[in-house]
Amino acid sequence: MSTENASIQLNPHTPSSVVVESNELQEQSDQVERIEPAVASHGTSQNAEEEEFQIKKRKKTSDVWDDFEVVMVKGVNKAMCTFCSRHFALIKSGTTTSYKRHLKNCVQRKLKLKKSRL
């Protein structure tokens, strides 16, 4: 047997294949320990790169945003109608259905559009 196996006390009833397998497992666990620090150091460099490059916010594409502004009210972002100054909750999902519905029924908007047509 090799010098590595000399440190393992062999039971006369234990097959030699079990000893070899245990040595292989020990070698594999040593490899895992060597790989983990490399991954950890790579992960920290990724965080540094992410801090350098900020994610660019997506442009708001809905036509609703021509008639609404994002304002801060009591520490909370809200959407404000530019015609009647009514405030609406800014929805995280980005849906604009409630804003479109408001624009259909906004009296101030209808009056201003009517005056601009004359």
PDB file of N, CA and C in Angstrom:
ATOM      1  N   MET A   1       0.831  -1.174   0.000  1.00  0.00           N
ATOM      2  CA  MET A   1       0.000   0.000   0.000  1.00  0.00           C
ATOM      3  C   MET A   1       0.877   1.238   0.000  1.00  0.00           C
ATOM      4  N   SER A   2       0.312   2.369  -0.388  1.00  0.00           N
ATOM      5  CA  SER A   2       1.097   3.603  -0.464  1.00  0.00           C
ATOM      6  C   SER A   2       1.209   4.251   0.901  1.00  0.00           C
ATOM      7  N   THR A   3       1.989   5.339   0.984  1.00  0.00           N
ATOM      8  CA  THR A   3       2.193   6.030   2.257  1.00  0.00           C
ATOM      9  C   THR A   3       0.934   6.752   2.704  1.00  0.00           C
ATOM     10  N   GLU A   4       0.075   7.158   1.763  1.00  0.00           N
ATOM     11  CA  GLU A   4      -1.182   7.808   2.132  1.00  0.00           C
ATOM     12  C   GLU A   4      -2.082   6.836   2.881  1.00  0.00           C
ATOM     13  N   ASN A   5      -2.110   5.609   2.434  1.00  0.00           N
ATOM     14  CA  ASN A   5      -2.953   4.605   3.059  1.00  0.00           C
ATOM     15  C   ASN A   5      -2.371   4.114   4.376  1.00  0.00           C
ATOM     16  N   ALA A   6      -1.106   4.383   4.624  1.00  0.00           N
ATOM     17  CA  ALA A   6      -0.459   3.909   5.841  1.00  0.00           C
ATOM     18  C   ALA A   6      -1.056   4.576   7.069  1.00  0.00           C
ATOM     19  N   SER A   7      -1.541   5.815   6.927  1.00  0.00           N
ATOM     20  CA  SER A   7      -2.115   6.506   8.075  1.00  0.00           C
ATOM     21  C   SER A   7      -3.491   5.949   8.435  1.00  0.00           C
ATOM     22  N   ILE A   8      -4.135   5.274   7.519  1.00  0.00           N
ATOM     23  CA  ILE A   8      -5.449   4.687   7.771  1.00  0.00           C
ATOM     24  C   ILE A   8      -5.238   3.292   8.332  1.00  0.00           C
ATOM     25  N   GLN A   9      -5.856   3.037   9.455  1.00  0.00           N
ATOM     26  CA  GLN A   9      -5.731   1.711  10.053  1.00  0.00           C
ATOM     27  C   GLN A   9      -6.689   0.783   9.340  1.00  0.00           C
ATOM     28  N   LEU A  10      -6.154  -0.258   8.808  1.00  0.00           N
ATOM     29  CA  LEU A  10      -6.964  -1.193   8.051  1.00  0.00           C
ATOM     30  C   LEU A  10      -7.525  -2.265   8.960  1.00  0.00           C
ATOM     31  N   ASN A  11      -8.776  -2.479   8.806  1.00  0.00           N
ATOM     32  CA  ASN A  11      -9.442  -3.577   9.476  1.00  0.00           C
ATOM     33  C   ASN A  11      -9.247  -4.791   8.576  1.00  0.00           C
ATOM     34  N   PRO A  12      -8.884  -5.920   9.088  1.00  0.00           N
ATOM     35  CA  PRO A  12      -8.664  -7.082   8.223  1.00  0.00           C
ATOM     36  C   PRO A  12      -9.926  -7.483   7.462  1.00  0.00           C
ATOM     37  N   HIS A  13     -11.091  -7.067   7.943  1.00  0.00           N
ATOM     38  CA  HIS A  13     -12.343  -7.434   7.278  1.00  0.00           C
ATOM     39  C   HIS A  13     -12.790  -6.377   6.273  1.00  0.00           C
ATOM     40  N   THR A  14     -12.109  -5.243   6.209  1.00  0.00           N
ATOM     41  CA  THR A  14     -12.482  -4.170   5.289  1.00  0.00           C
ATOM     42  C   THR A  14     -11.812  -4.407   3.944  1.00  0.00           C
ATOM     43  N   PRO A  15     -12.587  -4.420   2.872  1.00  0.00           N
ATOM     44  CA  PRO A  15     -11.977  -4.611   1.553  1.00  0.00           C
ATOM     45  C   PRO A  15     -11.115  -3.394   1.186  1.00  0.00           C
ATOM     46  N   SER A  16     -10.100  -3.621   0.392  1.00  0.00           N
ATOM     47  CA  SER A  16      -9.178  -2.543   0.022  1.00  0.00           C
ATOM     48  C   SER A  16      -9.862  -1.502  -0.865  1.00  0.00           C
ATOM     49  N   SER A  17     -10.924  -1.886  -1.584  1.00  0.00           N
ATOM     50  CA  SER A  17     -11.625  -0.925  -2.441  1.00  0.00           C
ATOM     51  C   SER A  17     -12.284   0.171  -1.613  1.00  0.00           C
ATOM     52  N   VAL A  18     -12.730  -0.134  -0.402  1.00  0.00           N
ATOM     53  CA  VAL A  18     -13.338   0.867   0.470  1.00  0.00           C
ATOM     54  C   VAL A  18     -12.297   1.892   0.873  1.00  0.00           C
ATOM     55  N   VAL A  19     -11.098   1.453   1.152  1.00  0.00           N
ATOM     56  CA  VAL A  19     -10.009   2.355   1.536  1.00  0.00           C
ATOM     57  C   VAL A  19      -9.671   3.271   0.376  1.00  0.00           C
ATOM     58  N   VAL A  20      -9.609   2.744  -0.823  1.00  0.00           N
ATOM     59  CA  VAL A  20      -9.301   3.542  -2.006  1.00  0.00           C
ATOM     60  C   VAL A  20     -10.396   4.581  -2.229  1.00  0.00           C
ATOM     61  N   GLU A  21     -11.661   4.173  -2.086  1.00  0.00           N
ATOM     62  CA  GLU A  21     -12.769   5.104  -2.268  1.00  0.00           C
ATOM     63  C   GLU A  21     -12.723   6.222  -1.239  1.00  0.00           C
ATOM     64  N   SER A  22     -12.397   5.895   0.000  1.00  0.00           N
ATOM     65  CA  SER A  22     -12.336   6.929   1.024  1.00  0.00           C
ATOM     66  C   SER A  22     -11.216   7.915   0.727  1.00  0.00           C
ATOM     67  N   ASN A  23     -10.112   7.447   0.182  1.00  0.00           N
ATOM     68  CA  ASN A  23      -9.022   8.343  -0.205  1.00  0.00           C
ATOM     69  C   ASN A  23      -9.450   9.250  -1.347  1.00  0.00           C
ATOM     70  N   GLU A  24     -10.195   8.694  -2.311  1.00  0.00           N
ATOM     71  CA  GLU A  24     -10.681   9.500  -3.429  1.00  0.00           C
ATOM     72  C   GLU A  24     -11.637  10.575  -2.934  1.00  0.00           C
ATOM     73  N   LEU A  25     -12.514  10.232  -2.001  1.00  0.00           N
ATOM     74  CA  LEU A  25     -13.438  11.213  -1.450  1.00  0.00           C
ATOM     75  C   LEU A  25     -12.696  12.320  -0.722  1.00  0.00           C
ATOM     76  N   GLN A  26     -11.651  11.946   0.003  1.00  0.00           N
ATOM     77  CA  GLN A  26     -10.868  12.945   0.725  1.00  0.00           C
ATOM     78  C   GLN A  26     -10.180  13.879  -0.266  1.00  0.00           C
ATOM     79  N   GLU A  27      -9.654  13.344  -1.365  1.00  0.00           N
ATOM     80  CA  GLU A  27      -9.010  14.167  -2.385  1.00  0.00           C
ATOM     81  C   GLU A  27     -10.026  15.100  -3.032  1.00  0.00           C
ATOM     82  N   GLN A  28     -11.245  14.610  -3.295  1.00  0.00           N
ATOM     83  CA  GLN A  28     -12.283  15.444  -3.884  1.00  0.00           C
ATOM     84  C   GLN A  28     -12.682  16.565  -2.942  1.00  0.00           C
ATOM     85  N   SER A  29     -12.788  16.278  -1.651  1.00  0.00           N
ATOM     86  CA  SER A  29     -13.144  17.326  -0.695  1.00  0.00           C
ATOM     87  C   SER A  29     -12.041  18.369  -0.610  1.00  0.00           C
ATOM     88  N   ASP A  30     -10.777  17.947  -0.765  1.00  0.00           N
ATOM     89  CA  ASP A  30      -9.670  18.901  -0.797  1.00  0.00           C
ATOM     90  C   ASP A  30      -9.789  19.806  -2.017  1.00  0.00           C
ATOM     91  N   GLN A  31     -10.199  19.256  -3.148  1.00  0.00           N
ATOM     92  CA  GLN A  31     -10.372  20.048  -4.361  1.00  0.00           C
ATOM     93  C   GLN A  31     -11.487  21.061  -4.183  1.00  0.00           C
ATOM     94  N   VAL A  32     -12.557  20.679  -3.550  1.00  0.00           N
ATOM     95  CA  VAL A  32     -13.671  21.588  -3.317  1.00  0.00           C
ATOM     96  C   VAL A  32     -13.227  22.751  -2.447  1.00  0.00           C
ATOM     97  N   GLU A  33     -12.442  22.462  -1.437  1.00  0.00           N
ATOM     98  CA  GLU A  33     -11.957  23.519  -0.559  1.00  0.00           C
ATOM     99  C   GLU A  33     -11.076  24.498  -1.314  1.00  0.00           C
ATOM    100  N   ARG A  34     -10.329  24.028  -2.270  1.00  0.00           N
ATOM    101  CA  ARG A  34      -9.467  24.909  -3.058  1.00  0.00           C
ATOM    102  C   ARG A  34     -10.285  25.768  -4.006  1.00  0.00           C
ATOM    103  N   ILE A  35     -11.362  25.248  -4.541  1.00  0.00           N
ATOM    104  CA  ILE A  35     -12.184  25.967  -5.511  1.00  0.00           C
ATOM    105  C   ILE A  35     -13.014  27.048  -4.833  1.00  0.00           C
ATOM    106  N   GLU A  36     -13.554  26.790  -3.671  1.00  0.00           N
ATOM    107  CA  GLU A  36     -14.443  27.744  -3.006  1.00  0.00           C
ATOM    108  C   GLU A  36     -13.819  29.112  -2.776  1.00  0.00           C
ATOM    109  N   PRO A  37     -12.578  29.231  -2.288  1.00  0.00           N
ATOM    110  CA  PRO A  37     -12.014  30.571  -2.122  1.00  0.00           C
ATOM    111  C   PRO A  37     -11.880  31.315  -3.445  1.00  0.00           C
ATOM    112  N   ALA A  38     -11.598  30.611  -4.526  1.00  0.00           N
ATOM    113  CA  ALA A  38     -11.484  31.259  -5.823  1.00  0.00           C
ATOM    114  C   ALA A  38     -12.827  31.828  -6.247  1.00  0.00           C
ATOM    115  N   VAL A  39     -13.910  31.105  -5.997  1.00  0.00           N
ATOM    116  CA  VAL A  39     -15.245  31.584  -6.343  1.00  0.00           C
ATOM    117  C   VAL A  39     -15.601  32.794  -5.504  1.00  0.00           C
ATOM    118  N   ALA A  40     -15.274  32.746  -4.235  1.00  0.00           N
ATOM    119  CA  ALA A  40     -15.592  33.854  -3.340  1.00  0.00           C
ATOM    120  C   ALA A  40     -14.875  35.119  -3.771  1.00  0.00           C
ATOM    121  N   SER A  41     -13.610  35.029  -4.148  1.00  0.00           N
ATOM    122  CA  SER A  41     -12.885  36.223  -4.569  1.00  0.00           C
ATOM    123  C   SER A  41     -13.429  36.737  -5.888  1.00  0.00           C
ATOM    124  N   HIS A  42     -13.885  35.838  -6.763  1.00  0.00           N
ATOM    125  CA  HIS A  42     -14.477  36.256  -8.029  1.00  0.00           C
ATOM    126  C   HIS A  42     -15.798  36.969  -7.782  1.00  0.00           C
ATOM    127  N   GLY A  43     -16.572  36.493  -6.825  1.00  0.00           N
ATOM    128  CA  GLY A  43     -17.860  37.104  -6.509  1.00  0.00           C
ATOM    129  C   GLY A  43     -17.708  38.524  -6.004  1.00  0.00           C
ATOM    130  N   THR A  44     -16.674  38.807  -5.234  1.00  0.00           N
ATOM    131  CA  THR A  44     -16.479  40.162  -4.728  1.00  0.00           C
ATOM    132  C   THR A  44     -16.068  41.103  -5.841  1.00  0.00           C
ATOM    133  N   SER A  45     -15.332  40.621  -6.829  1.00  0.00           N
ATOM    134  CA  SER A  45     -14.963  41.496  -7.936  1.00  0.00           C
ATOM    135  C   SER A  45     -16.186  41.796  -8.793  1.00  0.00           C
ATOM    136  N   GLN A  46     -17.126  40.865  -8.867  1.00  0.00           N
ATOM    137  CA  GLN A  46     -18.355  41.122  -9.606  1.00  0.00           C
ATOM    138  C   GLN A  46     -19.150  42.224  -8.936  1.00  0.00           C
ATOM    139  N   ASN A  47     -19.228  42.207  -7.611  1.00  0.00           N
ATOM    140  CA  ASN A  47     -19.961  43.242  -6.899  1.00  0.00           C
ATOM    141  C   ASN A  47     -19.349  44.606  -7.155  1.00  0.00           C
ATOM    142  N   ALA A  48     -18.043  44.684  -7.239  1.00  0.00           N
ATOM    143  CA  ALA A  48     -17.373  45.950  -7.510  1.00  0.00           C
ATOM    144  C   ALA A  48     -17.725  46.447  -8.905  1.00  0.00           C
ATOM    145  N   GLU A  49     -17.804  45.523  -9.866  1.00  0.00           N
ATOM    146  CA  GLU A  49     -18.173  45.912 -11.221  1.00  0.00           C
ATOM    147  C   GLU A  49     -19.609  46.409 -11.273  1.00  0.00           C
ATOM    148  N   GLU A  50     -20.518  45.769 -10.547  1.00  0.00           N
ATOM    149  CA  GLU A  50     -21.915  46.180 -10.540  1.00  0.00           C
ATOM    150  C   GLU A  50     -22.071  47.570  -9.949  1.00  0.00           C
ATOM    151  N   GLU A  51     -21.255  47.896  -8.942  1.00  0.00           N
ATOM    152  CA  GLU A  51     -21.337  49.213  -8.343  1.00  0.00           C
ATOM    153  C   GLU A  51     -20.870  50.286  -9.316  1.00  0.00           C
ATOM    154  N   GLU A  52     -19.910  49.963 -10.170  1.00  0.00           N
ATOM    155  CA  GLU A  52     -19.407  50.930 -11.123  1.00  0.00           C
ATOM    156  C   GLU A  52     -20.439  51.232 -12.202  1.00  0.00           C
ATOM    157  N   PHE A  53     -21.169  50.230 -12.657  1.00  0.00           N
ATOM    158  CA  PHE A  53     -22.116  50.395 -13.741  1.00  0.00           C
ATOM    159  C   PHE A  53     -23.538  50.322 -13.197  1.00  0.00           C
ATOM    160  N   GLN A  54     -24.223  51.430 -13.195  1.00  0.00           N
ATOM    161  CA  GLN A  54     -25.602  51.468 -12.731  1.00  0.00           C
ATOM    162  C   GLN A  54     -26.509  50.974 -13.851  1.00  0.00           C
ATOM    163  N   ILE A  55     -27.570  50.296 -13.474  1.00  0.00           N
ATOM    164  CA  ILE A  55     -28.537  49.826 -14.453  1.00  0.00           C
ATOM    165  C   ILE A  55     -29.341  51.024 -14.930  1.00  0.00           C
ATOM    166  N   LYS A  56     -29.416  51.177 -16.230  1.00  0.00           N
ATOM    167  CA  LYS A  56     -30.114  52.303 -16.822  1.00  0.00           C
ATOM    168  C   LYS A  56     -31.616  52.043 -16.746  1.00  0.00           C
ATOM    169  N   LYS A  57     -32.365  53.025 -16.266  1.00  0.00           N
ATOM    170  CA  LYS A  57     -33.810  52.859 -16.192  1.00  0.00           C
ATOM    171  C   LYS A  57     -34.397  52.882 -17.594  1.00  0.00           C
ATOM    172  N   ARG A  58     -35.428  52.103 -17.766  1.00  0.00           N
ATOM    173  CA  ARG A  58     -36.086  51.993 -19.053  1.00  0.00           C
ATOM    174  C   ARG A  58     -36.942  53.225 -19.304  1.00  0.00           C
ATOM    175  N   LYS A  59     -36.974  53.682 -20.535  1.00  0.00           N
ATOM    176  CA  LYS A  59     -37.767  54.837 -20.912  1.00  0.00           C
ATOM    177  C   LYS A  59     -39.247  54.482 -20.806  1.00  0.00           C
ATOM    178  N   LYS A  60     -40.037  55.424 -20.294  1.00  0.00           N
ATOM    179  CA  LYS A  60     -41.481  55.208 -20.198  1.00  0.00           C
ATOM    180  C   LYS A  60     -42.082  55.429 -21.581  1.00  0.00           C
ATOM    181  N   THR A  61     -42.711  54.389 -22.121  1.00  0.00           N
ATOM    182  CA  THR A  61     -43.166  54.425 -23.509  1.00  0.00           C
ATOM    183  C   THR A  61     -44.646  54.738 -23.668  1.00  0.00           C
ATOM    184  N   SER A  62     -45.410  54.687 -22.599  1.00  0.00           N
ATOM    185  CA  SER A  62     -46.843  54.920 -22.698  1.00  0.00           C
ATOM    186  C   SER A  62     -47.124  56.397 -22.977  1.00  0.00           C
ATOM    187  N   ASP A  63     -48.153  56.665 -23.773  1.00  0.00           N
ATOM    188  CA  ASP A  63     -48.561  58.043 -24.066  1.00  0.00           C
ATOM    189  C   ASP A  63     -49.116  58.743 -22.833  1.00  0.00           C
ATOM    190  N   VAL A  64     -49.503  57.990 -21.841  1.00  0.00           N
ATOM    191  CA  VAL A  64     -50.049  58.543 -20.603  1.00  0.00           C
ATOM    192  C   VAL A  64     -49.052  59.492 -19.951  1.00  0.00           C
ATOM    193  N   TRP A  65     -47.770  59.193 -20.071  1.00  0.00           N
ATOM    194  CA  TRP A  65     -46.754  59.988 -19.379  1.00  0.00           C
ATOM    195  C   TRP A  65     -46.606  61.386 -19.966  1.00  0.00           C
ATOM    196  N   ASP A  66     -47.259  61.660 -21.130  1.00  0.00           N
ATOM    197  CA  ASP A  66     -47.298  63.030 -21.646  1.00  0.00           C
ATOM    198  C   ASP A  66     -48.191  63.897 -20.765  1.00  0.00           C
ATOM    199  N   ASP A  67     -49.169  63.293 -20.098  1.00  0.00           N
ATOM    200  CA  ASP A  67     -50.147  64.028 -19.291  1.00  0.00           C
ATOM    201  C   ASP A  67     -49.991  63.786 -17.791  1.00  0.00           C
ATOM    202  N   PHE A  68     -49.013  63.020 -17.377  1.00  0.00           N
ATOM    203  CA  PHE A  68     -48.765  62.746 -15.961  1.00  0.00           C
ATOM    204  C   PHE A  68     -47.312  63.058 -15.622  1.00  0.00           C
ATOM    205  N   GLU A  69     -47.089  63.480 -14.384  1.00  0.00           N
ATOM    206  CA  GLU A  69     -45.746  63.710 -13.858  1.00  0.00           C
ATOM    207  C   GLU A  69     -45.565  62.866 -12.605  1.00  0.00           C
ATOM    208  N   VAL A  70     -44.349  62.455 -12.344  1.00  0.00           N
ATOM    209  CA  VAL A  70     -44.047  61.738 -11.104  1.00  0.00           C
ATOM    210  C   VAL A  70     -43.615  62.778 -10.082  1.00  0.00           C
ATOM    211  N   VAL A  71     -44.348  62.840  -8.954  1.00  0.00           N
ATOM    212  CA  VAL A  71     -44.055  63.806  -7.894  1.00  0.00           C
ATOM    213  C   VAL A  71     -43.915  63.075  -6.563  1.00  0.00           C
ATOM    214  N   MET A  72     -43.238  63.722  -5.617  1.00  0.00           N
ATOM    215  CA  MET A  72     -43.055  63.160  -4.279  1.00  0.00           C
ATOM    216  C   MET A  72     -44.075  63.821  -3.357  1.00  0.00           C
ATOM    217  N   VAL A  73     -44.949  63.004  -2.761  1.00  0.00           N
ATOM    218  CA  VAL A  73     -45.960  63.500  -1.826  1.00  0.00           C
ATOM    219  C   VAL A  73     -45.778  62.756  -0.509  1.00  0.00           C
ATOM    220  N   LYS A  74     -45.429  63.483   0.541  1.00  0.00           N
ATOM    221  CA  LYS A  74     -45.209  62.914   1.878  1.00  0.00           C
ATOM    222  C   LYS A  74     -44.229  61.743   1.847  1.00  0.00           C
ATOM    223  N   GLY A  75     -43.173  61.883   1.062  1.00  0.00           N
ATOM    224  CA  GLY A  75     -42.139  60.858   0.999  1.00  0.00           C
ATOM    225  C   GLY A  75     -42.462  59.676   0.107  1.00  0.00           C
ATOM    226  N   VAL A  76     -43.565  59.742  -0.636  1.00  0.00           N
ATOM    227  CA  VAL A  76     -43.973  58.637  -1.503  1.00  0.00           C
ATOM    228  C   VAL A  76     -44.116  59.168  -2.925  1.00  0.00           C
ATOM    229  N   ASN A  77     -43.580  58.435  -3.900  1.00  0.00           N
ATOM    230  CA  ASN A  77     -43.733  58.833  -5.298  1.00  0.00           C
ATOM    231  C   ASN A  77     -45.165  58.599  -5.749  1.00  0.00           C
ATOM    232  N   LYS A  78     -45.723  59.591  -6.415  1.00  0.00           N
ATOM    233  CA  LYS A  78     -47.090  59.504  -6.939  1.00  0.00           C
ATOM    234  C   LYS A  78     -47.093  60.018  -8.367  1.00  0.00           C
ATOM    235  N   ALA A  79     -48.109  59.644  -9.124  1.00  0.00           N
ATOM    236  CA  ALA A  79     -48.313  60.168 -10.467  1.00  0.00           C
ATOM    237  C   ALA A  79     -49.363  61.263 -10.369  1.00  0.00           C
ATOM    238  N   MET A  80     -49.062  62.440 -10.940  1.00  0.00           N
ATOM    239  CA  MET A  80     -49.985  63.568 -10.850  1.00  0.00           C
ATOM    240  C   MET A  80     -50.462  63.944 -12.246  1.00  0.00           C
ATOM    241  N   CYS A  81     -51.766  64.089 -12.406  1.00  0.00           N
ATOM    242  CA  CYS A  81     -52.352  64.530 -13.661  1.00  0.00           C
ATOM    243  C   CYS A  81     -51.986  66.002 -13.861  1.00  0.00           C
ATOM    244  N   THR A  82     -51.449  66.353 -15.015  1.00  0.00           N
ATOM    245  CA  THR A  82     -51.047  67.737 -15.266  1.00  0.00           C
ATOM    246  C   THR A  82     -52.238  68.646 -15.520  1.00  0.00           C
ATOM    247  N   PHE A  83     -53.408  68.086 -15.785  1.00  0.00           N
ATOM    248  CA  PHE A  83     -54.592  68.895 -16.051  1.00  0.00           C
ATOM    249  C   PHE A  83     -55.333  69.255 -14.767  1.00  0.00           C
ATOM    250  N   CYS A  84     -55.623  68.275 -13.919  1.00  0.00           N
ATOM    251  CA  CYS A  84     -56.428  68.522 -12.719  1.00  0.00           C
ATOM    252  C   CYS A  84     -55.625  68.410 -11.422  1.00  0.00           C
ATOM    253  N   SER A  85     -54.355  68.079 -11.496  1.00  0.00           N
ATOM    254  CA  SER A  85     -53.452  67.932 -10.342  1.00  0.00           C
ATOM    255  C   SER A  85     -53.885  66.847  -9.366  1.00  0.00           C
ATOM    256  N   ARG A  86     -54.621  65.873  -9.825  1.00  0.00           N
ATOM    257  CA  ARG A  86     -55.026  64.757  -8.973  1.00  0.00           C
ATOM    258  C   ARG A  86     -53.871  63.762  -8.867  1.00  0.00           C
ATOM    259  N   HIS A  87     -53.670  63.203  -7.674  1.00  0.00           N
ATOM    260  CA  HIS A  87     -52.573  62.271  -7.420  1.00  0.00           C
ATOM    261  C   HIS A  87     -53.058  60.827  -7.463  1.00  0.00           C
ATOM    262  N   PHE A  88     -52.210  59.974  -8.036  1.00  0.00           N
ATOM    263  CA  PHE A  88     -52.494  58.545  -8.128  1.00  0.00           C
ATOM    264  C   PHE A  88     -51.282  57.773  -7.626  1.00  0.00           C
ATOM    265  N   ALA A  89     -51.541  56.601  -7.077  1.00  0.00           N
ATOM    266  CA  ALA A  89     -50.450  55.749  -6.600  1.00  0.00           C
ATOM    267  C   ALA A  89     -49.598  55.309  -7.783  1.00  0.00           C
ATOM    268  N   LEU A  90     -48.295  55.331  -7.592  1.00  0.00           N
ATOM    269  CA  LEU A  90     -47.377  54.852  -8.615  1.00  0.00           C
ATOM    270  C   LEU A  90     -47.228  53.350  -8.410  1.00  0.00           C
ATOM    271  N   ILE A  91     -47.697  52.563  -9.348  1.00  0.00           N
ATOM    272  CA  ILE A  91     -47.756  51.116  -9.213  1.00  0.00           C
ATOM    273  C   ILE A  91     -46.417  50.510  -9.630  1.00  0.00           C
ATOM    274  N   LYS A  92     -45.883  49.606  -8.793  1.00  0.00           N
ATOM    275  CA  LYS A  92     -44.575  48.998  -9.050  1.00  0.00           C
ATOM    276  C   LYS A  92     -44.553  48.187 -10.339  1.00  0.00           C
ATOM    277  N   SER A  93     -45.676  47.587 -10.694  1.00  0.00           N
ATOM    278  CA  SER A  93     -45.696  46.749 -11.889  1.00  0.00           C
ATOM    279  C   SER A  93     -45.607  47.576 -13.161  1.00  0.00           C
ATOM    280  N   GLY A  94     -45.840  48.882 -13.063  1.00  0.00           N
ATOM    281  CA  GLY A  94     -45.697  49.755 -14.218  1.00  0.00           C
ATOM    282  C   GLY A  94     -46.947  49.867 -15.070  1.00  0.00           C
ATOM    283  N   THR A  95     -48.062  49.335 -14.619  1.00  0.00           N
ATOM    284  CA  THR A  95     -49.282  49.424 -15.412  1.00  0.00           C
ATOM    285  C   THR A  95     -49.806  50.849 -15.414  1.00  0.00           C
ATOM    286  N   THR A  96     -50.370  51.258 -16.526  1.00  0.00           N
ATOM    287  CA  THR A  96     -50.880  52.621 -16.666  1.00  0.00           C
ATOM    288  C   THR A  96     -52.376  52.643 -16.953  1.00  0.00           C
ATOM    289  N   THR A  97     -53.044  51.539 -16.742  1.00  0.00           N
ATOM    290  CA  THR A  97     -54.467  51.438 -17.051  1.00  0.00           C
ATOM    291  C   THR A  97     -55.295  52.440 -16.265  1.00  0.00           C
ATOM    292  N   SER A  98     -55.031  52.587 -14.986  1.00  0.00           N
ATOM    293  CA  SER A  98     -55.819  53.528 -14.180  1.00  0.00           C
ATOM    294  C   SER A  98     -55.578  54.964 -14.627  1.00  0.00           C
ATOM    295  N   TYR A  99     -54.379  55.266 -15.094  1.00  0.00           N
ATOM    296  CA  TYR A  99     -54.086  56.613 -15.580  1.00  0.00           C
ATOM    297  C   TYR A  99     -54.823  56.877 -16.892  1.00  0.00           C
ATOM    298  N   LYS A 100     -54.874  55.887 -17.768  1.00  0.00           N
ATOM    299  CA  LYS A 100     -55.609  56.028 -19.029  1.00  0.00           C
ATOM    300  C   LYS A 100     -57.094  56.220 -18.766  1.00  0.00           C
ATOM    301  N   ARG A 101     -57.612  55.459 -17.813  1.00  0.00           N
ATOM    302  CA  ARG A 101     -59.023  55.567 -17.461  1.00  0.00           C
ATOM    303  C   ARG A 101     -59.330  56.967 -16.935  1.00  0.00           C
ATOM    304  N   HIS A 102     -58.432  57.517 -16.143  1.00  0.00           N
ATOM    305  CA  HIS A 102     -58.631  58.863 -15.615  1.00  0.00           C
ATOM    306  C   HIS A 102     -58.627  59.889 -16.751  1.00  0.00           C
ATOM    307  N   LEU A 103     -57.715  59.743 -17.692  1.00  0.00           N
ATOM    308  CA  LEU A 103     -57.634  60.714 -18.784  1.00  0.00           C
ATOM    309  C   LEU A 103     -58.895  60.719 -19.642  1.00  0.00           C
ATOM    310  N   LYS A 104     -59.553  59.577 -19.776  1.00  0.00           N
ATOM    311  CA  LYS A 104     -60.814  59.526 -20.527  1.00  0.00           C
ATOM    312  C   LYS A 104     -61.892  60.367 -19.857  1.00  0.00           C
ATOM    313  N   ASN A 105     -61.879  60.414 -18.521  1.00  0.00           N
ATOM    314  CA  ASN A 105     -62.940  61.081 -17.773  1.00  0.00           C
ATOM    315  C   ASN A 105     -62.523  62.414 -17.162  1.00  0.00           C
ATOM    316  N   CYS A 106     -61.293  62.840 -17.348  1.00  0.00           N
ATOM    317  CA  CYS A 106     -60.806  64.068 -16.724  1.00  0.00           C
ATOM    318  C   CYS A 106     -61.479  65.279 -17.380  1.00  0.00           C
ATOM    319  N   VAL A 107     -62.276  65.996 -16.601  1.00  0.00           N
ATOM    320  CA  VAL A 107     -63.038  67.141 -17.115  1.00  0.00           C
ATOM    321  C   VAL A 107     -62.093  68.261 -17.538  1.00  0.00           C
ATOM    322  N   GLN A 108     -61.084  68.535 -16.734  1.00  0.00           N
ATOM    323  CA  GLN A 108     -60.136  69.606 -17.050  1.00  0.00           C
ATOM    324  C   GLN A 108     -59.414  69.334 -18.377  1.00  0.00           C
ATOM    325  N   ARG A 109     -59.070  68.093 -18.614  1.00  0.00           N
ATOM    326  CA  ARG A 109     -58.402  67.724 -19.864  1.00  0.00           C
ATOM    327  C   ARG A 109     -59.336  67.945 -21.043  1.00  0.00           C
ATOM    328  N   LYS A 110     -60.603  67.535 -20.886  1.00  0.00           N
ATOM    329  CA  LYS A 110     -61.577  67.709 -21.961  1.00  0.00           C
ATOM    330  C   LYS A 110     -61.772  69.183 -22.287  1.00  0.00           C
ATOM    331  N   LEU A 111     -61.840  70.035 -21.257  1.00  0.00           N
ATOM    332  CA  LEU A 111     -62.007  71.474 -21.478  1.00  0.00           C
ATOM    333  C   LEU A 111     -60.798  72.070 -22.202  1.00  0.00           C
ATOM    334  N   LYS A 112     -59.613  71.710 -21.779  1.00  0.00           N
ATOM    335  CA  LYS A 112     -58.406  72.251 -22.406  1.00  0.00           C
ATOM    336  C   LYS A 112     -58.258  71.771 -23.845  1.00  0.00           C
ATOM    337  N   LEU A 113     -58.606  70.524 -24.110  1.00  0.00           N
ATOM    338  CA  LEU A 113     -58.539  70.015 -25.478  1.00  0.00           C
ATOM    339  C   LEU A 113     -59.580  70.694 -26.366  1.00  0.00           C
ATOM    340  N   LYS A 114     -60.745  70.980 -25.798  1.00  0.00           N
ATOM    341  CA  LYS A 114     -61.813  71.642 -26.544  1.00  0.00           C
ATOM    342  C   LYS A 114     -61.391  73.068 -26.902  1.00  0.00           C
ATOM    343  N   LYS A 115     -60.778  73.789 -25.947  1.00  0.00           N
ATOM    344  CA  LYS A 115     -60.317  75.158 -26.190  1.00  0.00           C
ATOM    345  C   LYS A 115     -59.196  75.189 -27.226  1.00  0.00           C
ATOM    346  N   SER A 116     -58.337  74.207 -27.212  1.00  0.00           N
ATOM    347  CA  SER A 116     -57.216  74.194 -28.150  1.00  0.00           C
ATOM    348  C   SER A 116     -57.675  73.904 -29.578  1.00  0.00           C
ATOM    349  N   ARG A 117     -58.811  73.259 -29.746  1.00  0.00           N
ATOM    350  CA  ARG A 117     -59.343  72.953 -31.079  1.00  0.00           C
ATOM    351  C   ARG A 117     -59.998  74.174 -31.715  1.00  0.00           C
ATOM    352  N   LEU A 118     -60.466  75.115 -30.911  1.00  0.00           N
ATOM    353  CA  LEU A 118     -61.152  76.300 -31.441  1.00  0.00           C
ATOM    354  C   LEU A 118     -60.244  77.266 -32.070  1.00  0.00           C
TER     355      LEU A 118
END
